[in-house]
PDB file of N, CA and C in Angstrom:
ATOM      1  N   MET A   1     -26.774  53.875  14.868  1.00  0.00           N
ATOM      2  CA  MET A   1     -26.013  52.652  14.925  1.00  0.00           C
ATOM      3  C   MET A   1     -24.526  52.944  15.167  1.00  0.00           C
ATOM      4  N   PHE A   2     -23.986  53.981  14.555  1.00  0.00           N
ATOM      5  CA  PHE A   2     -22.570  54.289  14.694  1.00  0.00           C
ATOM      6  C   PHE A   2     -22.306  55.378  15.714  1.00  0.00           C
ATOM      7  N   GLY A   3     -23.350  55.911  16.318  1.00  0.00           N
ATOM      8  CA  GLY A   3     -23.170  56.972  17.289  1.00  0.00           C
ATOM      9  C   GLY A   3     -23.062  58.344  16.663  1.00  0.00           C
ATOM     10  N   TRP A   4     -23.408  58.448  15.397  1.00  0.00           N
ATOM     11  CA  TRP A   4     -23.375  59.739  14.726  1.00  0.00           C
ATOM     12  C   TRP A   4     -24.703  60.433  14.930  1.00  0.00           C
ATOM     13  N   GLU A   5     -24.677  61.722  14.924  1.00  0.00           N
ATOM     14  CA  GLU A   5     -25.895  62.523  15.012  1.00  0.00           C
ATOM     15  C   GLU A   5     -26.344  62.864  13.595  1.00  0.00           C
ATOM     16  N   PRO A   6     -27.426  62.228  13.110  1.00  0.00           N
ATOM     17  CA  PRO A   6     -27.853  62.454  11.726  1.00  0.00           C
ATOM     18  C   PRO A   6     -28.103  63.922  11.390  1.00  0.00           C
ATOM     19  N   ALA A   7     -28.647  64.661  12.315  1.00  0.00           N
ATOM     20  CA  ALA A   7     -28.950  66.068  12.039  1.00  0.00           C
ATOM     21  C   ALA A   7     -27.675  66.875  11.818  1.00  0.00           C
ATOM     22  N   ASN A   8     -26.570  66.423  12.382  1.00  0.00           N
ATOM     23  CA  ASN A   8     -25.306  67.149  12.256  1.00  0.00           C
ATOM     24  C   ASN A   8     -24.442  66.642  11.108  1.00  0.00           C
ATOM     25  N   GLU A   9     -24.900  65.617  10.429  1.00  0.00           N
ATOM     26  CA  GLU A   9     -24.112  65.019   9.363  1.00  0.00           C
ATOM     27  C   GLU A   9     -24.519  65.589   8.007  1.00  0.00           C
ATOM     28  N   PRO A  10     -23.567  66.143   7.276  1.00  0.00           N
ATOM     29  CA  PRO A  10     -23.887  66.630   5.931  1.00  0.00           C
ATOM     30  C   PRO A  10     -24.091  65.447   4.983  1.00  0.00           C
ATOM     31  N   LEU A  11     -24.769  65.685   3.886  1.00  0.00           N
ATOM     32  CA  LEU A  11     -24.922  64.646   2.873  1.00  0.00           C
ATOM     33  C   LEU A  11     -23.559  64.397   2.241  1.00  0.00           C
ATOM     34  N   ILE A  12     -23.175  63.130   2.170  1.00  0.00           N
ATOM     35  CA  ILE A  12     -21.872  62.784   1.610  1.00  0.00           C
ATOM     36  C   ILE A  12     -22.051  61.669   0.598  1.00  0.00           C
ATOM     37  N   SER A  13     -21.036  61.453  -0.219  1.00  0.00           N
ATOM     38  CA  SER A  13     -21.091  60.393  -1.222  1.00  0.00           C
ATOM     39  C   SER A  13     -21.052  59.027  -0.540  1.00  0.00           C
ATOM     40  N   LEU A  14     -21.436  58.013  -1.282  1.00  0.00           N
ATOM     41  CA  LEU A  14     -21.403  56.652  -0.749  1.00  0.00           C
ATOM     42  C   LEU A  14     -19.970  56.255  -0.374  1.00  0.00           C
ATOM     43  N   ASP A  15     -18.992  56.646  -1.188  1.00  0.00           N
ATOM     44  CA  ASP A  15     -17.592  56.332  -0.877  1.00  0.00           C
ATOM     45  C   ASP A  15     -17.158  56.993   0.431  1.00  0.00           C
ATOM     46  N   ALA A  16     -17.500  58.260   0.592  1.00  0.00           N
ATOM     47  CA  ALA A  16     -17.135  58.977   1.818  1.00  0.00           C
ATOM     48  C   ALA A  16     -17.846  58.364   3.022  1.00  0.00           C
ATOM     49  N   TYR A  17     -19.093  57.945   2.840  1.00  0.00           N
ATOM     50  CA  TYR A  17     -19.843  57.306   3.921  1.00  0.00           C
ATOM     51  C   TYR A  17     -19.151  56.006   4.346  1.00  0.00           C
ATOM     52  N   MET A  18     -18.756  55.179   3.369  1.00  0.00           N
ATOM     53  CA  MET A  18     -18.097  53.912   3.702  1.00  0.00           C
ATOM     54  C   MET A  18     -16.765  54.152   4.407  1.00  0.00           C
ATOM     55  N   CYS A  19     -16.055  55.202   4.024  1.00  0.00           N
ATOM     56  CA  CYS A  19     -14.802  55.534   4.710  1.00  0.00           C
ATOM     57  C   CYS A  19     -15.072  55.924   6.156  1.00  0.00           C
ATOM     58  N   LYS A  20     -16.171  56.627   6.367  1.00  0.00           N
ATOM     59  CA  LYS A  20     -16.543  57.019   7.729  1.00  0.00           C
ATOM     60  C   LYS A  20     -16.922  55.778   8.549  1.00  0.00           C
ATOM     61  N   VAL A  21     -17.612  54.839   7.920  1.00  0.00           N
ATOM     62  CA  VAL A  21     -17.954  53.579   8.588  1.00  0.00           C
ATOM     63  C   VAL A  21     -16.671  52.838   8.973  1.00  0.00           C
ATOM     64  N   LEU A  22     -15.727  52.727   8.036  1.00  0.00           N
ATOM     65  CA  LEU A  22     -14.454  52.059   8.335  1.00  0.00           C
ATOM     66  C   LEU A  22     -13.722  52.740   9.481  1.00  0.00           C
ATOM     67  N   ASP A  23     -13.681  54.062   9.445  1.00  0.00           N
ATOM     68  CA  ASP A  23     -13.012  54.799  10.515  1.00  0.00           C
ATOM     69  C   ASP A  23     -13.659  54.492  11.863  1.00  0.00           C
ATOM     70  N   THR A  24     -14.988  54.442  11.883  1.00  0.00           N
ATOM     71  CA  THR A  24     -15.700  54.128  13.130  1.00  0.00           C
ATOM     72  C   THR A  24     -15.358  52.716  13.600  1.00  0.00           C
ATOM     73  N   TYR A  25     -15.345  51.752  12.680  1.00  0.00           N
ATOM     74  CA  TYR A  25     -14.963  50.382  13.036  1.00  0.00           C
ATOM     75  C   TYR A  25     -13.542  50.353  13.612  1.00  0.00           C
ATOM     76  N   TYR A  26     -12.610  51.008  12.936  1.00  0.00           N
ATOM     77  CA  TYR A  26     -11.221  51.009  13.392  1.00  0.00           C
ATOM     78  C   TYR A  26     -11.091  51.659  14.769  1.00  0.00           C
ATOM     79  N   GLN A  27     -11.803  52.741  14.996  1.00  0.00           N
ATOM     80  CA  GLN A  27     -11.760  53.405  16.303  1.00  0.00           C
ATOM     81  C   GLN A  27     -12.289  52.481  17.398  1.00  0.00           C
ATOM     82  N   ARG A  28     -13.344  51.739  17.104  1.00  0.00           N
ATOM     83  CA  ARG A  28     -13.896  50.807  18.098  1.00  0.00           C
ATOM     84  C   ARG A  28     -12.942  49.643  18.346  1.00  0.00           C
ATOM     85  N   MET A  29     -12.280  49.186  17.290  1.00  0.00           N
ATOM     86  CA  MET A  29     -11.286  48.118  17.469  1.00  0.00           C
ATOM     87  C   MET A  29     -10.140  48.593  18.355  1.00  0.00           C
ATOM     88  N   LEU A  30      -9.697  49.825  18.134  1.00  0.00           N
ATOM     89  CA  LEU A  30      -8.647  50.402  18.984  1.00  0.00           C
ATOM     90  C   LEU A  30      -9.092  50.449  20.438  1.00  0.00           C
ATOM     91  N   LEU A  31     -10.308  50.877  20.662  1.00  0.00           N
ATOM     92  CA  LEU A  31     -10.843  50.962  22.020  1.00  0.00           C
ATOM     93  C   LEU A  31     -10.882  49.579  22.670  1.00  0.00           C
ATOM     94  N   MET A  32     -11.379  48.579  21.935  1.00  0.00           N
ATOM     95  CA  MET A  32     -11.436  47.220  22.477  1.00  0.00           C
ATOM     96  C   MET A  32     -10.039  46.703  22.809  1.00  0.00           C
ATOM     97  N   ALA A  33      -9.094  46.921  21.904  1.00  0.00           N
ATOM     98  CA  ALA A  33      -7.735  46.418  22.119  1.00  0.00           C
ATOM     99  C   ALA A  33      -7.083  47.065  23.330  1.00  0.00           C
ATOM    100  N   ARG A  34      -7.387  48.325  23.556  1.00  0.00           N
ATOM    101  CA  ARG A  34      -6.797  49.026  24.705  1.00  0.00           C
ATOM    102  C   ARG A  34      -7.453  48.631  26.021  1.00  0.00           C
ATOM    103  N   GLN A  35      -8.699  48.193  25.974  1.00  0.00           N
ATOM    104  CA  GLN A  35      -9.434  47.887  27.202  1.00  0.00           C
ATOM    105  C   GLN A  35      -9.438  46.411  27.565  1.00  0.00           C
ATOM    106  N   ASP A  36      -9.148  45.543  26.616  1.00  0.00           N
ATOM    107  CA  ASP A  36      -9.275  44.108  26.865  1.00  0.00           C
ATOM    108  C   ASP A  36      -8.008  43.383  26.414  1.00  0.00           C
ATOM    109  N   ALA A  37      -7.278  42.843  27.367  1.00  0.00           N
ATOM    110  CA  ALA A  37      -6.023  42.143  27.060  1.00  0.00           C
ATOM    111  C   ALA A  37      -6.256  40.860  26.268  1.00  0.00           C
ATOM    112  N   ASN A  38      -7.495  40.395  26.214  1.00  0.00           N
ATOM    113  CA  ASN A  38      -7.809  39.191  25.450  1.00  0.00           C
ATOM    114  C   ASN A  38      -8.133  39.491  23.992  1.00  0.00           C
ATOM    115  N   THR A  39      -7.943  40.724  23.579  1.00  0.00           N
ATOM    116  CA  THR A  39      -8.173  41.100  22.186  1.00  0.00           C
ATOM    117  C   THR A  39      -6.908  40.829  21.389  1.00  0.00           C
ATOM    118  N   LEU A  40      -7.054  40.139  20.290  1.00  0.00           N
ATOM    119  CA  LEU A  40      -5.929  39.857  19.401  1.00  0.00           C
ATOM    120  C   LEU A  40      -6.204  40.535  18.067  1.00  0.00           C
ATOM    121  N   LEU A  41      -5.412  41.532  17.739  1.00  0.00           N
ATOM    122  CA  LEU A  41      -5.522  42.202  16.446  1.00  0.00           C
ATOM    123  C   LEU A  41      -4.573  41.512  15.478  1.00  0.00           C
ATOM    124  N   LEU A  42      -5.095  41.125  14.337  1.00  0.00           N
ATOM    125  CA  LEU A  42      -4.291  40.442  13.333  1.00  0.00           C
ATOM    126  C   LEU A  42      -4.213  41.300  12.081  1.00  0.00           C
ATOM    127  N   ASN A  43      -3.010  41.555  11.619  1.00  0.00           N
ATOM    128  CA  ASN A  43      -2.791  42.371  10.435  1.00  0.00           C
ATOM    129  C   ASN A  43      -2.735  41.462   9.211  1.00  0.00           C
ATOM    130  N   TYR A  44      -3.785  41.503   8.407  1.00  0.00           N
ATOM    131  CA  TYR A  44      -3.860  40.631   7.238  1.00  0.00           C
ATOM    132  C   TYR A  44      -2.778  40.939   6.210  1.00  0.00           C
ATOM    133  N   ASN A  45      -2.178  42.106   6.280  1.00  0.00           N
ATOM    134  CA  ASN A  45      -1.101  42.436   5.352  1.00  0.00           C
ATOM    135  C   ASN A  45       0.129  41.563   5.573  1.00  0.00           C
ATOM    136  N   LEU A  46       0.240  40.954   6.739  1.00  0.00           N
ATOM    137  CA  LEU A  46       1.389  40.093   7.024  1.00  0.00           C
ATOM    138  C   LEU A  46       1.310  38.767   6.290  1.00  0.00           C
ATOM    139  N   GLY A  47       0.118  38.364   5.917  1.00  0.00           N
ATOM    140  CA  GLY A  47      -0.068  37.092   5.234  1.00  0.00           C
ATOM    141  C   GLY A  47      -0.566  36.022   6.182  1.00  0.00           C
ATOM    142  N   PRO A  48      -1.044  34.909   5.624  1.00  0.00           N
ATOM    143  CA  PRO A  48      -1.696  33.885   6.444  1.00  0.00           C
ATOM    144  C   PRO A  48      -0.792  33.177   7.446  1.00  0.00           C
ATOM    145  N   LEU A  49       0.452  32.894   7.088  1.00  0.00           N
ATOM    146  CA  LEU A  49       1.305  32.153   8.028  1.00  0.00           C
ATOM    147  C   LEU A  49       1.696  32.962   9.254  1.00  0.00           C
ATOM    148  N   PRO A  50       2.127  34.208   9.111  1.00  0.00           N
ATOM    149  CA  PRO A  50       2.383  34.993  10.325  1.00  0.00           C
ATOM    150  C   PRO A  50       1.130  35.164  11.185  1.00  0.00           C
ATOM    151  N   ILE A  51      -0.019  35.274  10.542  1.00  0.00           N
ATOM    152  CA  ILE A  51      -1.271  35.384  11.303  1.00  0.00           C
ATOM    153  C   ILE A  51      -1.518  34.094  12.077  1.00  0.00           C
ATOM    154  N   LEU A  52      -1.313  32.960  11.417  1.00  0.00           N
ATOM    155  CA  LEU A  52      -1.490  31.670  12.085  1.00  0.00           C
ATOM    156  C   LEU A  52      -0.524  31.539  13.260  1.00  0.00           C
ATOM    157  N   GLU A  53       0.718  31.955  13.059  1.00  0.00           N
ATOM    158  CA  GLU A  53       1.712  31.894  14.136  1.00  0.00           C
ATOM    159  C   GLU A  53       1.325  32.797  15.308  1.00  0.00           C
ATOM    160  N   GLN A  54       0.860  34.009  15.009  1.00  0.00           N
ATOM    161  CA  GLN A  54       0.423  34.920  16.075  1.00  0.00           C
ATOM    162  C   GLN A  54      -0.757  34.330  16.841  1.00  0.00           C
ATOM    163  N   PHE A  55      -1.711  33.767  16.105  1.00  0.00           N
ATOM    164  CA  PHE A  55      -2.875  33.177  16.747  1.00  0.00           C
ATOM    165  C   PHE A  55      -2.467  32.017  17.652  1.00  0.00           C
ATOM    166  N   CYS A  56      -1.594  31.158  17.157  1.00  0.00           N
ATOM    167  CA  CYS A  56      -1.144  30.015  17.957  1.00  0.00           C
ATOM    168  C   CYS A  56      -0.392  30.473  19.203  1.00  0.00           C
ATOM    169  N   ALA A  57       0.452  31.478  19.063  1.00  0.00           N
ATOM    170  CA  ALA A  57       1.182  32.002  20.221  1.00  0.00           C
ATOM    171  C   ALA A  57       0.212  32.605  21.231  1.00  0.00           C
ATOM    172  N   PHE A  58      -0.769  33.327  20.753  1.00  0.00           N
ATOM    173  CA  PHE A  58      -1.739  33.989  21.627  1.00  0.00           C
ATOM    174  C   PHE A  58      -2.579  32.975  22.398  1.00  0.00           C
ATOM    175  N   THR A  59      -2.951  31.883  21.723  1.00  0.00           N
ATOM    176  CA  THR A  59      -3.818  30.877  22.348  1.00  0.00           C
ATOM    177  C   THR A  59      -3.044  29.734  22.993  1.00  0.00           C
ATOM    178  N   GLY A  60      -1.714  29.724  22.810  1.00  0.00           N
ATOM    179  CA  GLY A  60      -0.917  28.639  23.375  1.00  0.00           C
ATOM    180  C   GLY A  60      -1.084  27.333  22.618  1.00  0.00           C
ATOM    181  N   THR A  61      -1.409  27.417  21.348  1.00  0.00           N
ATOM    182  CA  THR A  61      -1.631  26.235  20.518  1.00  0.00           C
ATOM    183  C   THR A  61      -0.355  25.861  19.777  1.00  0.00           C
ATOM    184  N   ARG A  62      -0.012  24.581  19.819  1.00  0.00           N
ATOM    185  CA  ARG A  62       1.144  24.088  19.059  1.00  0.00           C
ATOM    186  C   ARG A  62       0.627  23.231  17.920  1.00  0.00           C
ATOM    187  N   LEU A  63       1.014  23.592  16.713  1.00  0.00           N
ATOM    188  CA  LEU A  63       0.582  22.835  15.538  1.00  0.00           C
ATOM    189  C   LEU A  63       1.699  21.911  15.074  1.00  0.00           C
ATOM    190  N   PRO A  64       1.335  20.713  14.604  1.00  0.00           N
ATOM    191  CA  PRO A  64       2.353  19.802  14.077  1.00  0.00           C
ATOM    192  C   PRO A  64       3.027  20.407  12.843  1.00  0.00           C
ATOM    193  N   ALA A  65       4.287  20.074  12.641  1.00  0.00           N
ATOM    194  CA  ALA A  65       5.046  20.595  11.494  1.00  0.00           C
ATOM    195  C   ALA A  65       4.362  20.247  10.177  1.00  0.00           C
ATOM    196  N   SER A  66       3.751  19.071  10.106  1.00  0.00           N
ATOM    197  CA  SER A  66       3.083  18.667   8.860  1.00  0.00           C
ATOM    198  C   SER A  66       1.918  19.604   8.526  1.00  0.00           C
ATOM    199  N   LEU A  67       1.202  20.035   9.545  1.00  0.00           N
ATOM    200  CA  LEU A  67       0.086  20.955   9.323  1.00  0.00           C
ATOM    201  C   LEU A  67       0.598  22.330   8.905  1.00  0.00           C
ATOM    202  N   LEU A  68       1.691  22.774   9.510  1.00  0.00           N
ATOM    203  CA  LEU A  68       2.288  24.054   9.120  1.00  0.00           C
ATOM    204  C   LEU A  68       2.783  24.006   7.677  1.00  0.00           C
ATOM    205  N   GLU A  69       3.333  22.876   7.275  1.00  0.00           N
ATOM    206  CA  GLU A  69       3.791  22.722   5.891  1.00  0.00           C
ATOM    207  C   GLU A  69       2.605  22.771   4.928  1.00  0.00           C
ATOM    208  N   GLU A  70       1.514  22.127   5.283  1.00  0.00           N
ATOM    209  CA  GLU A  70       0.303  22.198   4.451  1.00  0.00           C
ATOM    210  C   GLU A  70      -0.207  23.632   4.360  1.00  0.00           C
ATOM    211  N   ALA A  71      -0.186  24.325   5.482  1.00  0.00           N
ATOM    212  CA  ALA A  71      -0.642  25.719   5.500  1.00  0.00           C
ATOM    213  C   ALA A  71       0.247  26.575   4.607  1.00  0.00           C
ATOM    214  N   TYR A  72       1.550  26.355   4.664  1.00  0.00           N
ATOM    215  CA  TYR A  72       2.469  27.113   3.817  1.00  0.00           C
ATOM    216  C   TYR A  72       2.170  26.859   2.336  1.00  0.00           C
ATOM    217  N   THR A  73       2.023  25.596   1.982  1.00  0.00           N
ATOM    218  CA  THR A  73       1.752  25.240   0.588  1.00  0.00           C
ATOM    219  C   THR A  73       0.457  25.874   0.111  1.00  0.00           C
ATOM    220  N   ARG A  74      -0.592  25.771   0.914  1.00  0.00           N
ATOM    221  CA  ARG A  74      -1.898  26.307   0.514  1.00  0.00           C
ATOM    222  C   ARG A  74      -1.893  27.830   0.477  1.00  0.00           C
ATOM    223  N   SER A  75      -1.139  28.463   1.356  1.00  0.00           N
ATOM    224  CA  SER A  75      -1.165  29.925   1.440  1.00  0.00           C
ATOM    225  C   SER A  75      -0.525  30.597   0.228  1.00  0.00           C
ATOM    226  N   ARG A  76       0.167  29.846  -0.568  1.00  0.00           N
ATOM    227  CA  ARG A  76       0.766  30.423  -1.773  1.00  0.00           C
ATOM    228  C   ARG A  76      -0.273  30.681  -2.856  1.00  0.00           C
ATOM    229  N   TYR A  77      -1.475  30.124  -2.690  1.00  0.00           N
ATOM    230  CA  TYR A  77      -2.509  30.232  -3.721  1.00  0.00           C
ATOM    231  C   TYR A  77      -3.629  31.164  -3.287  1.00  0.00           C
ATOM    232  N   HIS A  78      -4.279  31.738  -4.272  1.00  0.00           N
ATOM    233  CA  HIS A  78      -5.375  32.680  -4.051  1.00  0.00           C
ATOM    234  C   HIS A  78      -6.567  31.949  -3.439  1.00  0.00           C
ATOM    235  N   GLY A  79      -7.191  32.550  -2.422  1.00  0.00           N
ATOM    236  CA  GLY A  79      -8.325  31.931  -1.743  1.00  0.00           C
ATOM    237  C   GLY A  79      -9.540  31.745  -2.638  1.00  0.00           C
ATOM    238  N   LYS A  80      -9.779  32.673  -3.546  1.00  0.00           N
ATOM    239  CA  LYS A  80     -10.944  32.578  -4.434  1.00  0.00           C
ATOM    240  C   LYS A  80     -10.649  31.764  -5.685  1.00  0.00           C
ATOM    241  N   TYR A  81      -9.372  31.656  -6.028  1.00  0.00           N
ATOM    242  CA  TYR A  81      -8.960  30.936  -7.230  1.00  0.00           C
ATOM    243  C   TYR A  81      -7.851  29.965  -6.841  1.00  0.00           C
ATOM    244  N   PRO A  82      -8.218  28.794  -6.304  1.00  0.00           N
ATOM    245  CA  PRO A  82      -7.235  27.877  -5.723  1.00  0.00           C
ATOM    246  C   PRO A  82      -6.082  27.480  -6.646  1.00  0.00           C
ATOM    247  N   GLY A  83      -6.264  27.529  -7.957  1.00  0.00           N
ATOM    248  CA  GLY A  83      -5.185  27.163  -8.867  1.00  0.00           C
ATOM    249  C   GLY A  83      -4.241  28.307  -9.183  1.00  0.00           C
ATOM    250  N   ALA A  84      -4.592  29.520  -8.786  1.00  0.00           N
ATOM    251  CA  ALA A  84      -3.782  30.699  -9.113  1.00  0.00           C
ATOM    252  C   ALA A  84      -2.916  31.098  -7.923  1.00  0.00           C
ATOM    253  N   LEU A  85      -1.651  31.415  -8.202  1.00  0.00           N
ATOM    254  CA  LEU A  85      -0.766  31.885  -7.139  1.00  0.00           C
ATOM    255  C   LEU A  85      -1.261  33.224  -6.613  1.00  0.00           C
ATOM    256  N   PHE A  86      -1.131  33.421  -5.321  1.00  0.00           N
ATOM    257  CA  PHE A  86      -1.591  34.655  -4.687  1.00  0.00           C
ATOM    258  C   PHE A  86      -0.659  35.806  -5.037  1.00  0.00           C
ATOM    259  N   THR A  87      -1.249  36.936  -5.398  1.00  0.00           N
ATOM    260  CA  THR A  87      -0.505  38.166  -5.649  1.00  0.00           C
ATOM    261  C   THR A  87      -1.107  39.245  -4.768  1.00  0.00           C
ATOM    262  N   PRO A  88      -0.320  39.844  -3.882  1.00  0.00           N
ATOM    263  CA  PRO A  88      -0.889  40.871  -3.000  1.00  0.00           C
ATOM    264  C   PRO A  88      -1.330  42.105  -3.788  1.00  0.00           C
ATOM    265  N   TYR A  89      -2.344  42.774  -3.238  1.00  0.00           N
ATOM    266  CA  TYR A  89      -2.819  44.012  -3.845  1.00  0.00           C
ATOM    267  C   TYR A  89      -1.826  45.128  -3.550  1.00  0.00           C
ATOM    268  N   LEU A  90      -1.688  46.022  -4.493  1.00  0.00           N
ATOM    269  CA  LEU A  90      -0.828  47.186  -4.273  1.00  0.00           C
ATOM    270  C   LEU A  90      -1.612  48.258  -3.533  1.00  0.00           C
ATOM    271  N   PRO A  91      -0.975  48.958  -2.603  1.00  0.00           N
ATOM    272  CA  PRO A  91      -1.690  50.014  -1.876  1.00  0.00           C
ATOM    273  C   PRO A  91      -2.063  51.167  -2.813  1.00  0.00           C
ATOM    274  N   LEU A  92      -3.122  51.855  -2.460  1.00  0.00           N
ATOM    275  CA  LEU A  92      -3.596  53.005  -3.218  1.00  0.00           C
ATOM    276  C   LEU A  92      -2.551  54.110  -3.160  1.00  0.00           C
ATOM    277  N   GLN A  93      -2.112  54.596  -4.312  1.00  0.00           N
ATOM    278  CA  GLN A  93      -1.040  55.590  -4.362  1.00  0.00           C
ATOM    279  C   GLN A  93      -1.486  56.979  -3.917  1.00  0.00           C
ATOM    280  N   ASN A  94      -2.618  57.427  -4.389  1.00  0.00           N
ATOM    281  CA  ASN A  94      -3.123  58.763  -4.058  1.00  0.00           C
ATOM    282  C   ASN A  94      -4.547  58.654  -3.522  1.00  0.00           C
ATOM    283  N   PRO A  95      -4.705  58.285  -2.256  1.00  0.00           N
ATOM    284  CA  PRO A  95      -6.062  58.112  -1.722  1.00  0.00           C
ATOM    285  C   PRO A  95      -6.815  59.440  -1.685  1.00  0.00           C
ATOM    286  N   PRO A  96      -8.132  59.386  -1.908  1.00  0.00           N
ATOM    287  CA  PRO A  96      -8.930  60.612  -1.845  1.00  0.00           C
ATOM    288  C   PRO A  96      -8.959  61.158  -0.417  1.00  0.00           C
ATOM    289  N   PRO A  97      -9.164  62.460  -0.266  1.00  0.00           N
ATOM    290  CA  PRO A  97      -9.146  63.087   1.067  1.00  0.00           C
ATOM    291  C   PRO A  97     -10.136  62.469   2.057  1.00  0.00           C
ATOM    292  N   PHE A  98     -11.304  62.029   1.572  1.00  0.00           N
ATOM    293  CA  PHE A  98     -12.291  61.480   2.504  1.00  0.00           C
ATOM    294  C   PHE A  98     -11.858  60.147   3.101  1.00  0.00           C
ATOM    295  N   LEU A  99     -10.800  59.553   2.568  1.00  0.00           N
ATOM    296  CA  LEU A  99     -10.292  58.287   3.088  1.00  0.00           C
ATOM    297  C   LEU A  99      -9.249  58.497   4.187  1.00  0.00           C
ATOM    298  N   GLN A 100      -8.795  59.717   4.362  1.00  0.00           N
ATOM    299  CA  GLN A 100      -7.685  60.024   5.268  1.00  0.00           C
ATOM    300  C   GLN A 100      -7.930  59.571   6.713  1.00  0.00           C
ATOM    301  N   ALA A 101      -9.095  59.878   7.270  1.00  0.00           N
ATOM    302  CA  ALA A 101      -9.370  59.513   8.672  1.00  0.00           C
ATOM    303  C   ALA A 101      -9.328  58.000   8.858  1.00  0.00           C
ATOM    304  N   ALA A 102      -9.909  57.254   7.916  1.00  0.00           N
ATOM    305  CA  ALA A 102      -9.901  55.796   8.016  1.00  0.00           C
ATOM    306  C   ALA A 102      -8.475  55.260   7.910  1.00  0.00           C
ATOM    307  N   LEU A 103      -7.673  55.828   7.020  1.00  0.00           N
ATOM    308  CA  LEU A 103      -6.280  55.391   6.884  1.00  0.00           C
ATOM    309  C   LEU A 103      -5.478  55.668   8.152  1.00  0.00           C
ATOM    310  N   GLU A 104      -5.723  56.802   8.778  1.00  0.00           N
ATOM    311  CA  GLU A 104      -5.017  57.138  10.021  1.00  0.00           C
ATOM    312  C   GLU A 104      -5.415  56.189  11.148  1.00  0.00           C
ATOM    313  N   SER A 105      -6.705  55.870  11.245  1.00  0.00           N
ATOM    314  CA  SER A 105      -7.157  54.927  12.278  1.00  0.00           C
ATOM    315  C   SER A 105      -6.577  53.543  12.020  1.00  0.00           C
ATOM    316  N   TYR A 106      -6.540  53.146  10.749  1.00  0.00           N
ATOM    317  CA  TYR A 106      -5.970  51.848  10.393  1.00  0.00           C
ATOM    318  C   TYR A 106      -4.484  51.801  10.764  1.00  0.00           C
ATOM    319  N   ALA A 107      -3.764  52.880  10.498  1.00  0.00           N
ATOM    320  CA  ALA A 107      -2.340  52.942  10.836  1.00  0.00           C
ATOM    321  C   ALA A 107      -2.132  52.769  12.342  1.00  0.00           C
ATOM    322  N   GLN A 108      -3.027  53.312  13.149  1.00  0.00           N
ATOM    323  CA  GLN A 108      -2.936  53.130  14.604  1.00  0.00           C
ATOM    324  C   GLN A 108      -3.141  51.667  14.968  1.00  0.00           C
ATOM    325  N   LEU A 109      -4.100  51.010  14.302  1.00  0.00           N
ATOM    326  CA  LEU A 109      -4.343  49.594  14.566  1.00  0.00           C
ATOM    327  C   LEU A 109      -3.108  48.763  14.231  1.00  0.00           C
ATOM    328  N   VAL A 110      -2.482  49.061  13.109  1.00  0.00           N
ATOM    329  CA  VAL A 110      -1.315  48.298  12.670  1.00  0.00           C
ATOM    330  C   VAL A 110      -0.177  48.425  13.677  1.00  0.00           C
ATOM    331  N   THR A 111      -0.027  49.589  14.288  1.00  0.00           N
ATOM    332  CA  THR A 111       1.077  49.767  15.235  1.00  0.00           C
ATOM    333  C   THR A 111       0.891  48.958  16.511  1.00  0.00           C
ATOM    334  N   ILE A 112      -0.352  48.631  16.869  1.00  0.00           N
ATOM    335  CA  ILE A 112      -0.550  47.841  18.091  1.00  0.00           C
ATOM    336  C   ILE A 112      -0.855  46.383  17.794  1.00  0.00           C
ATOM    337  N   ALA A 113      -0.994  46.024  16.512  1.00  0.00           N
ATOM    338  CA  ALA A 113      -1.301  44.632  16.151  1.00  0.00           C
ATOM    339  C   ALA A 113      -0.065  43.772  16.279  1.00  0.00           C
TER     340      ALA A 113
END
């Protein structure tokens, strides 16, 4: 499914496997973005309003100011807990070595997003 050769793959932990899956996803996203000008990469770390603005600019969509104000008000709250103010997650301070490849691929995505 991921283009890996099972016979050449050593047994790894579930965490290391998921990191490898993420790295593969990120590499494919990079490939798509480089080959297709209609690909829009959105960096969720920017938050919902910048993402909405990027999407609207990309698609040529103009939203009424009232809708943007509603989006701003709603974006201050957590998606899973609508009454709680949103607090961003802190990045992992000392990621394990098996996460390195996925982090590097993600960093490449962020630079072109």
